[in-house]
N, C-alpha and C. Protein backbone atom coordinates (compact mmCIF):
# COMPACT_ATOMS: atom_id res chain seq x y z
N MET A 1 -25.20 14.47 -82.67
CA MET A 1 -25.69 13.22 -83.49
C MET A 1 -26.57 12.13 -82.43
N VAL A 2 -27.70 12.13 -82.34
CA VAL A 2 -28.45 11.30 -81.57
C VAL A 2 -28.47 9.86 -82.05
N ILE A 3 -27.87 8.86 -81.77
CA ILE A 3 -27.89 7.57 -82.41
C ILE A 3 -28.92 6.75 -82.08
N LYS A 4 -29.57 6.53 -82.99
CA LYS A 4 -31.03 5.60 -83.04
C LYS A 4 -30.67 4.31 -83.36
N ASN A 5 -29.72 3.95 -84.44
CA ASN A 5 -29.44 2.57 -84.70
C ASN A 5 -28.23 2.51 -85.22
N VAL A 6 -27.40 1.31 -84.88
CA VAL A 6 -25.95 1.17 -85.28
C VAL A 6 -25.93 -0.41 -85.88
N SER A 7 -25.09 -0.63 -86.96
CA SER A 7 -25.08 -2.09 -87.22
C SER A 7 -23.75 -2.03 -87.99
N LEU A 8 -23.04 -3.31 -87.72
CA LEU A 8 -21.99 -3.44 -88.24
C LEU A 8 -22.01 -3.70 -89.53
N GLU A 9 -22.11 -2.99 -90.75
CA GLU A 9 -22.48 -3.33 -91.93
C GLU A 9 -21.74 -3.94 -92.97
N THR A 10 -20.62 -3.79 -92.88
CA THR A 10 -19.50 -4.33 -93.93
C THR A 10 -18.04 -4.43 -93.14
N VAL A 11 -17.59 -5.87 -93.44
CA VAL A 11 -16.21 -6.16 -92.86
C VAL A 11 -15.45 -6.42 -94.27
N CYS A 12 -14.38 -5.61 -94.27
CA CYS A 12 -13.47 -5.81 -95.50
C CYS A 12 -12.39 -6.54 -95.19
N GLY A 13 -11.92 -7.92 -95.51
CA GLY A 13 -10.56 -8.32 -95.37
C GLY A 13 -9.56 -7.78 -96.26
N ILE A 14 -8.65 -8.45 -96.51
CA ILE A 14 -7.38 -8.30 -97.20
C ILE A 14 -7.68 -8.20 -98.77
N THR A 15 -8.68 -9.10 -99.12
CA THR A 15 -8.93 -9.51 -100.52
C THR A 15 -10.52 -8.65 -100.92
N SER A 16 -11.11 -8.16 -100.03
CA SER A 16 -12.34 -7.79 -100.25
C SER A 16 -12.36 -6.12 -100.95
N LYS A 17 -13.59 -6.00 -101.80
CA LYS A 17 -13.55 -4.74 -102.40
C LYS A 17 -13.87 -3.68 -101.55
N ILE A 18 -13.37 -2.77 -101.42
CA ILE A 18 -13.96 -1.59 -100.72
C ILE A 18 -15.27 -1.24 -101.05
N PRO A 19 -16.33 -1.23 -100.06
CA PRO A 19 -17.59 -0.79 -100.47
C PRO A 19 -17.78 0.69 -100.88
N ASP A 20 -18.44 0.64 -101.95
CA ASP A 20 -18.97 2.09 -102.59
C ASP A 20 -20.53 2.82 -101.93
N ASN A 21 -19.69 3.07 -100.72
CA ASN A 21 -21.16 3.67 -99.69
C ASN A 21 -21.72 4.71 -100.21
N LEU A 22 -23.03 4.74 -99.94
CA LEU A 22 -24.05 5.93 -99.99
C LEU A 22 -23.82 7.25 -99.30
N TYR A 23 -23.32 6.83 -98.04
CA TYR A 23 -23.34 8.00 -96.72
C TYR A 23 -21.85 8.40 -96.87
N ASN A 24 -21.64 9.30 -96.05
CA ASN A 24 -20.25 9.89 -95.94
C ASN A 24 -19.61 9.09 -94.43
N GLU A 25 -18.28 9.00 -94.66
CA GLU A 25 -17.40 8.21 -93.88
C GLU A 25 -16.49 8.78 -92.94
N VAL A 26 -16.15 8.55 -91.60
CA VAL A 26 -15.15 9.09 -90.95
C VAL A 26 -14.26 7.82 -90.59
N ALA A 27 -12.95 7.84 -90.66
CA ALA A 27 -12.01 6.89 -90.36
C ALA A 27 -11.28 7.03 -89.15
N PHE A 28 -10.88 5.79 -88.64
CA PHE A 28 -10.18 6.06 -87.27
C PHE A 28 -9.03 4.98 -87.40
N ALA A 29 -7.98 5.28 -87.16
CA ALA A 29 -6.63 4.65 -87.22
C ALA A 29 -5.98 5.02 -85.97
N GLY A 30 -5.00 3.97 -85.99
CA GLY A 30 -3.96 3.93 -84.58
C GLY A 30 -3.45 2.78 -84.39
N LYS A 31 -2.25 2.90 -83.57
CA LYS A 31 -1.60 1.51 -83.30
C LYS A 31 -2.46 0.74 -82.60
N SER A 32 -1.90 -0.64 -82.66
CA SER A 32 -2.65 -1.67 -81.87
C SER A 32 -3.01 -1.35 -80.21
N ASN A 33 -3.71 -1.32 -79.94
CA ASN A 33 -4.03 -1.14 -78.28
C ASN A 33 -4.31 0.30 -77.65
N VAL A 34 -4.35 0.97 -78.80
CA VAL A 34 -4.49 2.59 -78.52
C VAL A 34 -5.82 2.99 -78.07
N GLY A 35 -6.78 2.08 -78.04
CA GLY A 35 -8.16 2.42 -77.47
C GLY A 35 -8.98 2.41 -78.74
N LYS A 36 -8.78 2.06 -80.09
CA LYS A 36 -9.57 2.40 -81.20
C LYS A 36 -11.18 1.67 -80.76
N SER A 37 -11.23 0.56 -80.79
CA SER A 37 -12.45 0.00 -80.46
C SER A 37 -13.25 0.52 -79.11
N SER A 38 -12.35 0.90 -78.18
CA SER A 38 -13.32 1.55 -77.11
C SER A 38 -13.86 3.03 -77.31
N LEU A 39 -12.87 3.50 -78.27
CA LEU A 39 -13.35 5.06 -78.60
C LEU A 39 -14.55 4.67 -79.40
N ILE A 40 -14.71 3.79 -80.25
CA ILE A 40 -15.76 3.68 -81.32
C ILE A 40 -17.01 3.32 -80.45
N ASN A 41 -16.87 2.22 -79.39
CA ASN A 41 -17.89 1.85 -78.63
C ASN A 41 -18.35 2.95 -77.83
N ALA A 42 -17.68 4.12 -77.37
CA ALA A 42 -18.20 5.27 -76.66
C ALA A 42 -18.75 5.98 -77.52
N LEU A 43 -18.57 6.27 -78.85
CA LEU A 43 -18.98 7.23 -79.67
C LEU A 43 -20.65 6.57 -79.92
N MET A 44 -20.72 5.25 -80.11
CA MET A 44 -21.94 4.69 -80.35
C MET A 44 -22.69 4.36 -79.39
N ASN A 45 -22.42 4.67 -78.04
CA ASN A 45 -22.87 4.31 -76.85
C ASN A 45 -23.33 2.84 -76.87
N ARG A 46 -22.43 2.09 -77.16
CA ARG A 46 -22.45 0.65 -77.08
C ARG A 46 -21.53 0.20 -76.18
N LYS A 47 -21.47 -0.93 -75.71
CA LYS A 47 -20.57 -1.34 -74.92
C LYS A 47 -19.71 -2.23 -75.46
N SER A 48 -20.20 -3.23 -76.70
CA SER A 48 -19.04 -4.04 -77.23
C SER A 48 -19.56 -4.45 -78.72
N LEU A 49 -19.92 -3.41 -79.23
CA LEU A 49 -20.10 -3.54 -80.73
C LEU A 49 -18.79 -3.85 -81.35
N ALA A 50 -17.98 -2.84 -81.14
CA ALA A 50 -16.44 -3.04 -81.80
C ALA A 50 -15.84 -3.84 -80.58
N ARG A 51 -15.24 -5.05 -81.28
CA ARG A 51 -14.71 -5.91 -80.14
C ARG A 51 -13.25 -5.42 -79.55
N THR A 52 -13.41 -5.18 -78.10
CA THR A 52 -11.97 -4.79 -77.51
C THR A 52 -11.49 -5.90 -76.93
N SER A 53 -9.87 -5.85 -77.02
CA SER A 53 -9.34 -6.83 -76.49
C SER A 53 -7.71 -6.01 -76.08
N ALA A 54 -7.51 -6.95 -74.98
CA ALA A 54 -6.32 -6.84 -74.29
C ALA A 54 -4.87 -7.25 -75.22
N GLN A 55 -5.41 -8.25 -76.27
CA GLN A 55 -4.17 -8.31 -76.82
C GLN A 55 -4.30 -7.47 -78.26
N PRO A 56 -3.23 -7.06 -78.66
CA PRO A 56 -3.07 -5.95 -79.74
C PRO A 56 -3.23 -6.78 -80.94
N GLY A 57 -3.70 -6.15 -82.02
CA GLY A 57 -3.97 -6.53 -83.51
C GLY A 57 -5.35 -7.29 -83.43
N LYS A 58 -6.22 -6.91 -82.79
CA LYS A 58 -7.47 -7.85 -82.71
C LYS A 58 -8.37 -7.37 -84.20
N THR A 59 -8.27 -6.18 -84.35
CA THR A 59 -9.08 -5.53 -85.62
C THR A 59 -8.03 -5.80 -86.76
N GLN A 60 -8.36 -6.95 -87.67
CA GLN A 60 -7.68 -7.21 -88.56
C GLN A 60 -8.38 -7.10 -90.20
N THR A 61 -9.36 -6.03 -90.13
CA THR A 61 -10.51 -6.09 -91.07
C THR A 61 -10.64 -4.61 -91.21
N ILE A 62 -10.97 -4.12 -91.95
CA ILE A 62 -11.85 -3.02 -92.13
C ILE A 62 -13.41 -2.62 -91.69
N ASN A 63 -13.73 -2.32 -90.64
CA ASN A 63 -15.14 -2.62 -90.20
C ASN A 63 -15.93 -1.34 -90.48
N PHE A 64 -17.25 -1.26 -91.12
CA PHE A 64 -18.05 -0.11 -91.46
C PHE A 64 -18.91 -0.10 -90.72
N TYR A 65 -19.32 0.77 -89.71
CA TYR A 65 -20.43 0.84 -88.98
C TYR A 65 -21.28 1.78 -89.43
N ASN A 66 -22.55 1.44 -89.52
CA ASN A 66 -23.57 2.21 -89.99
C ASN A 66 -24.55 2.82 -88.85
N ILE A 67 -24.35 4.02 -88.78
CA ILE A 67 -25.04 5.17 -87.79
C ILE A 67 -26.08 5.59 -88.63
N ASN A 68 -27.55 5.14 -87.82
CA ASN A 68 -28.68 6.09 -88.34
C ASN A 68 -28.99 5.97 -89.70
N ASP A 69 -28.53 5.14 -90.70
CA ASP A 69 -28.37 5.22 -91.96
C ASP A 69 -28.02 6.74 -92.37
N ALA A 70 -27.01 7.13 -91.78
CA ALA A 70 -26.84 8.59 -92.21
C ALA A 70 -25.47 8.79 -92.33
N MET A 71 -24.60 7.97 -91.84
CA MET A 71 -23.11 8.05 -91.94
C MET A 71 -22.31 6.59 -91.60
N TYR A 72 -21.16 6.72 -91.94
CA TYR A 72 -20.27 5.27 -91.17
C TYR A 72 -19.27 5.96 -90.29
N LEU A 73 -18.86 5.12 -89.40
CA LEU A 73 -17.90 5.21 -88.71
C LEU A 73 -16.83 3.87 -89.08
N VAL A 74 -15.87 4.41 -89.54
CA VAL A 74 -14.77 2.98 -90.12
C VAL A 74 -13.81 2.86 -89.47
N ASP A 75 -13.76 1.66 -88.61
CA ASP A 75 -12.60 1.13 -88.10
C ASP A 75 -11.29 0.61 -88.76
N LEU A 76 -10.19 1.19 -88.68
CA LEU A 76 -9.38 0.55 -89.64
C LEU A 76 -8.29 -0.37 -88.58
N PRO A 77 -7.51 -1.09 -89.27
CA PRO A 77 -6.78 -2.12 -88.52
C PRO A 77 -5.83 -1.30 -87.85
N GLY A 78 -5.30 -1.70 -86.30
CA GLY A 78 -4.18 -1.32 -85.55
C GLY A 78 -3.12 -1.65 -86.36
N TYR A 79 -2.13 -0.64 -86.38
CA TYR A 79 -0.79 -0.85 -86.92
C TYR A 79 0.44 -0.98 -85.61
N GLY A 80 1.38 -1.45 -86.09
CA GLY A 80 2.53 -1.32 -84.83
C GLY A 80 2.72 -2.52 -84.36
N TYR A 81 2.87 -2.93 -82.97
CA TYR A 81 3.71 -4.16 -82.60
C TYR A 81 2.51 -5.10 -82.16
N ALA A 82 1.62 -5.59 -82.83
CA ALA A 82 0.72 -6.34 -82.89
C ALA A 82 1.53 -7.77 -83.24
N LYS A 83 1.54 -9.04 -82.72
CA LYS A 83 2.20 -10.01 -82.78
C LYS A 83 1.97 -10.84 -84.24
N VAL A 84 2.28 -10.26 -85.47
CA VAL A 84 2.03 -10.66 -86.61
C VAL A 84 3.05 -10.83 -87.50
N SER A 85 3.25 -11.61 -88.28
CA SER A 85 4.33 -11.62 -89.31
C SER A 85 4.38 -10.31 -90.32
N GLU A 86 5.74 -9.77 -90.68
CA GLU A 86 5.81 -8.61 -91.60
C GLU A 86 4.88 -8.73 -92.87
N SER A 87 4.68 -9.98 -93.32
CA SER A 87 3.94 -9.83 -94.25
C SER A 87 2.33 -9.47 -94.39
N GLU A 88 1.88 -9.86 -93.00
CA GLU A 88 0.48 -9.62 -92.59
C GLU A 88 0.59 -8.42 -92.39
N LYS A 89 1.48 -7.38 -91.71
CA LYS A 89 1.57 -6.09 -91.49
C LYS A 89 1.73 -5.35 -92.93
N GLU A 90 2.32 -5.97 -93.44
CA GLU A 90 2.25 -5.28 -95.12
C GLU A 90 0.95 -5.06 -95.59
N LYS A 91 0.25 -6.26 -95.68
CA LYS A 91 -0.93 -6.74 -95.84
C LYS A 91 -1.92 -5.63 -95.50
N TRP A 92 -1.92 -5.41 -93.94
CA TRP A 92 -2.95 -4.58 -93.54
C TRP A 92 -2.41 -3.12 -94.13
N GLY A 93 -1.42 -2.81 -93.97
CA GLY A 93 -0.74 -1.46 -94.65
C GLY A 93 -1.49 -1.31 -95.94
N LYS A 94 -1.50 -2.19 -96.83
CA LYS A 94 -2.03 -2.15 -98.13
C LYS A 94 -3.34 -2.03 -98.37
N MET A 95 -3.91 -2.57 -97.15
CA MET A 95 -5.39 -2.33 -97.03
C MET A 95 -5.75 -1.38 -96.57
N ILE A 96 -5.17 -0.34 -95.85
CA ILE A 96 -5.60 0.86 -95.06
C ILE A 96 -5.32 1.84 -96.55
N GLU A 97 -4.44 1.71 -97.20
CA GLU A 97 -3.82 2.32 -98.25
C GLU A 97 -4.88 2.45 -99.11
N LYS A 98 -5.39 1.15 -99.54
CA LYS A 98 -6.40 1.04 -100.55
C LYS A 98 -7.65 1.84 -100.17
N TYR A 99 -8.02 1.51 -98.92
CA TYR A 99 -9.24 2.39 -98.36
C TYR A 99 -9.06 3.75 -98.55
N LEU A 100 -8.23 4.30 -97.95
CA LEU A 100 -8.00 5.83 -97.96
C LEU A 100 -7.46 6.44 -99.34
N LYS A 101 -7.11 5.47 -100.24
CA LYS A 101 -7.18 6.27 -101.85
C LYS A 101 -8.44 6.09 -102.60
N THR A 102 -9.27 5.14 -102.15
CA THR A 102 -10.45 4.62 -103.14
C THR A 102 -11.81 5.05 -102.51
N SER A 103 -11.76 5.24 -101.20
CA SER A 103 -13.15 5.69 -100.84
C SER A 103 -13.48 7.17 -101.16
N LYS A 104 -14.63 7.25 -102.07
CA LYS A 104 -15.37 8.33 -102.36
C LYS A 104 -15.72 9.22 -101.25
N LYS A 105 -16.25 8.47 -100.02
CA LYS A 105 -17.25 9.27 -99.05
C LYS A 105 -16.22 9.59 -97.86
N LEU A 106 -15.08 9.51 -97.86
CA LEU A 106 -14.22 9.36 -96.55
C LEU A 106 -13.95 10.91 -96.48
N LYS A 107 -14.65 11.55 -95.38
CA LYS A 107 -14.60 13.03 -95.03
C LYS A 107 -13.39 13.48 -94.17
N ALA A 108 -13.04 12.52 -93.15
CA ALA A 108 -11.97 12.78 -92.17
C ALA A 108 -11.30 11.45 -91.57
N VAL A 109 -10.08 11.59 -91.36
CA VAL A 109 -9.47 10.70 -90.79
C VAL A 109 -8.70 11.13 -89.23
N PHE A 110 -9.55 10.31 -88.32
CA PHE A 110 -9.07 10.44 -86.89
C PHE A 110 -7.80 9.54 -86.52
N LEU A 111 -6.71 9.99 -85.97
CA LEU A 111 -5.40 9.20 -85.73
C LEU A 111 -5.40 9.08 -84.29
N LEU A 112 -5.34 8.31 -83.73
CA LEU A 112 -5.19 8.07 -82.27
C LEU A 112 -4.01 7.55 -81.67
N ILE A 113 -3.56 8.66 -80.67
CA ILE A 113 -2.35 8.96 -80.00
C ILE A 113 -2.58 8.45 -78.57
N ASP A 114 -1.81 7.44 -77.80
CA ASP A 114 -1.83 7.23 -76.62
C ASP A 114 -1.18 8.33 -75.67
N ILE A 115 -2.23 9.30 -74.95
CA ILE A 115 -1.38 10.35 -74.25
C ILE A 115 -0.50 10.39 -73.29
N ARG A 116 -0.25 9.00 -72.95
CA ARG A 116 0.45 8.96 -72.22
C ARG A 116 2.07 8.72 -72.61
N HIS A 117 2.28 8.46 -73.78
CA HIS A 117 3.65 8.30 -74.30
C HIS A 117 3.81 9.19 -75.77
N ASP A 118 5.25 9.39 -75.63
CA ASP A 118 5.54 10.12 -77.04
C ASP A 118 5.00 9.52 -78.35
N PRO A 119 4.56 10.06 -79.37
CA PRO A 119 4.17 9.47 -80.20
C PRO A 119 5.53 8.47 -81.17
N SER A 120 5.29 7.08 -81.35
CA SER A 120 6.12 6.22 -81.87
C SER A 120 6.62 6.71 -83.48
N ALA A 121 7.44 5.94 -83.87
CA ALA A 121 7.98 6.21 -85.25
C ALA A 121 6.68 5.82 -86.17
N ASN A 122 6.12 4.72 -85.93
CA ASN A 122 4.78 4.41 -86.61
C ASN A 122 3.78 5.54 -86.66
N ASP A 123 3.45 5.90 -85.53
CA ASP A 123 2.55 7.03 -85.13
C ASP A 123 2.78 8.10 -86.34
N ARG A 124 4.10 8.47 -86.00
CA ARG A 124 4.58 9.91 -87.05
C ARG A 124 4.42 9.16 -88.60
N MET A 125 4.88 8.30 -88.91
CA MET A 125 4.94 7.81 -90.34
C MET A 125 3.46 7.85 -90.53
N MET A 126 2.64 7.25 -89.79
CA MET A 126 1.16 7.39 -90.40
C MET A 126 0.48 8.62 -90.37
N TYR A 127 0.91 9.61 -89.53
CA TYR A 127 0.66 10.81 -89.62
C TYR A 127 1.07 11.52 -90.88
N GLU A 128 2.20 11.36 -91.21
CA GLU A 128 3.09 11.96 -92.41
C GLU A 128 2.26 11.47 -93.79
N TRP A 129 2.01 10.06 -93.53
CA TRP A 129 1.44 9.63 -95.10
C TRP A 129 -0.05 9.88 -95.24
N MET A 130 -0.83 10.08 -93.94
CA MET A 130 -2.21 10.71 -94.56
C MET A 130 -2.00 11.96 -94.80
N ASP A 131 -1.13 12.86 -94.29
CA ASP A 131 -0.80 14.33 -94.60
C ASP A 131 -0.71 14.25 -96.21
N TYR A 132 0.13 13.53 -96.54
CA TYR A 132 0.50 13.45 -97.85
C TYR A 132 -0.52 12.66 -98.92
N GLN A 133 -1.16 12.04 -98.28
CA GLN A 133 -2.35 11.71 -99.03
C GLN A 133 -3.56 12.77 -99.05
N GLY A 134 -3.43 13.78 -98.43
CA GLY A 134 -4.30 15.14 -98.71
C GLY A 134 -5.10 15.18 -97.44
N TYR A 135 -4.95 14.25 -96.37
CA TYR A 135 -5.95 14.29 -95.38
C TYR A 135 -5.60 14.95 -94.14
N ALA A 136 -5.94 15.96 -93.38
CA ALA A 136 -5.34 16.59 -92.20
C ALA A 136 -5.96 15.95 -91.21
N PRO A 137 -5.27 14.67 -90.63
CA PRO A 137 -5.84 14.05 -89.55
C PRO A 137 -6.15 14.78 -88.37
N ILE A 138 -7.30 14.35 -87.83
CA ILE A 138 -7.60 15.05 -86.39
C ILE A 138 -7.11 13.97 -85.23
N ILE A 139 -6.16 14.63 -84.44
CA ILE A 139 -5.54 13.84 -83.30
C ILE A 139 -6.50 13.60 -82.39
N ILE A 140 -6.74 12.30 -81.66
CA ILE A 140 -7.23 11.99 -80.58
C ILE A 140 -6.48 11.51 -79.26
N ALA A 141 -6.20 12.07 -78.42
CA ALA A 141 -5.18 11.52 -77.39
C ALA A 141 -5.96 10.52 -76.42
N THR A 142 -5.76 9.41 -76.76
CA THR A 142 -6.68 8.40 -75.91
C THR A 142 -6.18 8.15 -74.24
N LYS A 143 -6.86 7.37 -73.76
CA LYS A 143 -6.42 7.08 -72.15
C LYS A 143 -6.40 8.56 -71.42
N LEU A 144 -7.05 9.41 -71.34
CA LEU A 144 -7.19 10.81 -70.84
C LEU A 144 -7.01 10.47 -69.16
N ASP A 145 -7.89 9.50 -68.97
CA ASP A 145 -8.11 9.08 -67.59
C ASP A 145 -6.95 8.61 -66.71
N LYS A 146 -5.93 8.24 -67.49
CA LYS A 146 -4.73 7.24 -67.10
C LYS A 146 -3.55 8.45 -66.54
N ILE A 147 -3.55 9.46 -66.84
CA ILE A 147 -2.86 10.79 -66.48
C ILE A 147 -3.30 11.77 -65.41
N LYS A 148 -2.56 12.50 -64.74
CA LYS A 148 -3.07 13.38 -63.76
C LYS A 148 -3.63 14.81 -64.82
N ARG A 149 -4.49 15.49 -64.20
CA ARG A 149 -4.65 16.85 -65.07
C ARG A 149 -3.70 17.60 -65.24
N SER A 150 -2.81 17.81 -64.25
CA SER A 150 -1.83 18.75 -64.48
C SER A 150 -0.77 18.54 -65.59
N GLN A 151 -1.15 17.12 -66.11
CA GLN A 151 0.03 16.41 -67.22
C GLN A 151 -0.58 16.87 -68.70
N VAL A 152 -2.01 16.85 -68.98
CA VAL A 152 -2.43 17.10 -69.97
C VAL A 152 -2.02 17.86 -71.04
N GLN A 153 -1.71 19.17 -70.71
CA GLN A 153 -1.12 20.16 -71.68
C GLN A 153 0.09 19.87 -72.10
N LYS A 154 1.10 19.32 -71.07
CA LYS A 154 2.55 19.02 -71.49
C LYS A 154 2.34 17.83 -72.22
N ASN A 155 1.46 16.82 -72.30
CA ASN A 155 1.53 15.56 -72.93
C ASN A 155 1.17 15.92 -74.47
N ILE A 156 0.02 16.91 -74.35
CA ILE A 156 -0.63 17.27 -75.51
C ILE A 156 0.43 17.87 -76.59
N LYS A 157 1.36 18.67 -75.94
CA LYS A 157 2.46 19.46 -76.58
C LYS A 157 3.37 18.63 -77.00
N ALA A 158 3.60 17.49 -76.08
CA ALA A 158 4.68 16.39 -76.63
C ALA A 158 4.03 15.77 -78.06
N ILE A 159 2.94 15.20 -78.10
CA ILE A 159 2.27 14.78 -79.16
C ILE A 159 2.42 15.67 -80.58
N ARG A 160 2.18 16.91 -80.03
CA ARG A 160 2.15 17.85 -81.23
C ARG A 160 3.31 17.81 -81.75
N GLU A 161 4.68 17.93 -80.83
CA GLU A 161 5.94 17.99 -81.20
C GLU A 161 6.39 16.88 -81.97
N GLY A 162 6.09 15.75 -81.11
CA GLY A 162 6.52 14.27 -81.70
C GLY A 162 5.70 14.12 -83.14
N LEU A 163 4.73 14.34 -83.42
CA LEU A 163 4.24 14.06 -84.85
C LEU A 163 4.54 15.19 -85.87
N GLY A 164 4.85 16.25 -85.25
CA GLY A 164 5.20 17.49 -86.17
C GLY A 164 3.93 17.91 -86.91
N VAL A 165 3.04 18.07 -86.18
CA VAL A 165 1.63 18.54 -86.73
C VAL A 165 1.80 19.87 -87.38
N LYS A 166 0.91 20.21 -88.46
CA LYS A 166 0.52 21.26 -88.99
C LYS A 166 -0.10 22.31 -88.14
N PRO A 167 0.02 23.53 -88.00
CA PRO A 167 -0.33 24.45 -87.31
C PRO A 167 -1.86 24.47 -87.53
N GLY A 168 -2.85 24.39 -86.44
CA GLY A 168 -4.13 24.47 -86.68
C GLY A 168 -4.54 22.96 -86.48
N THR A 169 -3.88 21.87 -86.27
CA THR A 169 -4.31 20.72 -86.15
C THR A 169 -5.13 20.32 -84.75
N ILE A 170 -6.25 19.93 -84.93
CA ILE A 170 -7.20 19.55 -83.80
C ILE A 170 -6.68 18.43 -83.07
N ILE A 171 -6.15 18.59 -81.73
CA ILE A 171 -6.01 17.46 -80.92
C ILE A 171 -7.21 17.54 -79.74
N ILE A 172 -7.86 16.12 -79.65
CA ILE A 172 -8.89 16.07 -78.66
C ILE A 172 -8.45 15.22 -77.58
N PRO A 173 -8.39 15.55 -76.30
CA PRO A 173 -8.17 14.49 -75.26
C PRO A 173 -9.38 13.49 -75.19
N PHE A 174 -9.18 12.36 -74.79
CA PHE A 174 -10.57 11.58 -74.88
C PHE A 174 -10.29 10.48 -73.66
N SER A 175 -11.23 10.13 -73.16
CA SER A 175 -11.04 8.98 -72.07
C SER A 175 -12.31 8.11 -72.52
N ALA A 176 -12.23 6.68 -72.69
CA ALA A 176 -13.28 5.95 -72.67
C ALA A 176 -13.79 5.81 -71.40
N GLU A 177 -13.20 5.54 -70.39
CA GLU A 177 -13.72 5.50 -69.18
C GLU A 177 -14.93 6.70 -68.99
N THR A 178 -14.26 7.85 -68.61
CA THR A 178 -15.30 8.88 -68.62
C THR A 178 -15.77 9.61 -69.56
N LYS A 179 -16.00 9.36 -70.68
CA LYS A 179 -16.30 9.88 -71.88
C LYS A 179 -15.99 11.05 -72.13
N GLN A 180 -15.09 11.75 -71.48
CA GLN A 180 -14.52 13.03 -71.82
C GLN A 180 -13.82 13.07 -73.19
N GLY A 181 -14.36 14.22 -73.85
CA GLY A 181 -14.18 14.44 -75.30
C GLY A 181 -14.96 13.66 -76.33
N ARG A 182 -15.77 13.02 -75.70
CA ARG A 182 -16.69 12.51 -76.69
C ARG A 182 -17.87 13.41 -77.42
N ASP A 183 -18.37 14.35 -76.66
CA ASP A 183 -19.46 15.18 -77.36
C ASP A 183 -18.32 16.03 -78.17
N GLU A 184 -17.07 16.46 -77.84
CA GLU A 184 -16.47 17.51 -78.86
C GLU A 184 -15.94 16.36 -80.15
N ILE A 185 -15.69 15.16 -80.02
CA ILE A 185 -15.62 14.39 -81.06
C ILE A 185 -16.88 14.19 -82.12
N TRP A 186 -17.71 14.17 -81.58
CA TRP A 186 -19.32 14.31 -82.38
C TRP A 186 -19.54 15.44 -82.88
N GLU A 187 -19.23 16.64 -82.18
CA GLU A 187 -19.60 17.80 -82.91
C GLU A 187 -18.74 18.18 -84.05
N LEU A 188 -17.54 17.70 -83.83
CA LEU A 188 -16.63 17.72 -85.28
C LEU A 188 -16.83 16.78 -86.36
N ILE A 189 -17.31 15.69 -86.03
CA ILE A 189 -17.77 14.62 -86.95
C ILE A 189 -19.12 15.10 -87.78
N ASP A 190 -19.91 15.71 -86.84
CA ASP A 190 -21.39 16.11 -87.34
C ASP A 190 -20.88 17.36 -88.42
N SER A 191 -20.11 18.07 -88.06
CA SER A 191 -19.53 19.23 -88.79
C SER A 191 -18.98 18.97 -90.14
N LEU A 192 -18.57 17.46 -90.07
CA LEU A 192 -17.83 17.05 -91.30
C LEU A 192 -18.68 16.14 -92.27
N VAL A 193 -19.60 15.75 -91.40
CA VAL A 193 -20.57 14.80 -92.06
C VAL A 193 -21.96 15.12 -92.69
N LEU A 194 -22.40 15.89 -91.84
CA LEU A 194 -23.88 16.27 -92.03
C LEU A 194 -24.19 17.66 -93.01
N PRO A 195 -23.14 18.16 -93.29
CA PRO A 195 -23.52 19.39 -94.16
C PRO A 195 -23.83 19.12 -95.50
N GLN A 196 -23.61 17.77 -96.15
CA GLN A 196 -24.04 16.93 -97.29
C GLN A 196 -25.47 17.15 -97.71
N GLU A 197 -26.37 17.05 -96.41
CA GLU A 197 -27.63 17.20 -96.66
C GLU A 197 -28.23 18.51 -97.01
N GLU A 198 -27.57 19.38 -96.96
CA GLU A 198 -27.99 20.92 -97.49
C GLU A 198 -27.69 20.96 -99.06
N GLU A 199 -26.85 20.05 -99.72
CA GLU A 199 -26.80 20.13 -101.02
C GLU A 199 -27.95 20.05 -102.03
């Protein structure tokens, strides 16, 4: 995908209605601070369209980025250890759930897992829940530049086992620093999103 224009088109808060978009969507989920905004910026070739923060839990809305008036990248709120109240977390959870259940254009969900650590209970729950909703999440193993090359396969295996993924699940190692994995992710997105034009 050659990116000609990008805009943050819709921001959905807890009470907002999920937009009925014309174009296909791919969504990104992951716990707070896993590198979701950095990944989205890297995919869009933009430095700071998605706000990155050292403070977990910065994304508290569902953000729809319109790419070339052809598709949307959808940034879901991070889950996990953000310093927010349980009731807030519950609202975010409901918001994510509402989106996954009501979006008519969602073609794929990417679940981001930090390659340095074994998946958390939250990660596993998110994976199982998406799987239960009928999505086969594609795993992106983030922060690839933070580990040695010799560790990559071992850590990917740990993610595979930690999440209990289904056979054939795609896991793409990715680094926002070096952009390794970016082309692979786009190839996958293109294959999921673009065939609609042939109908």
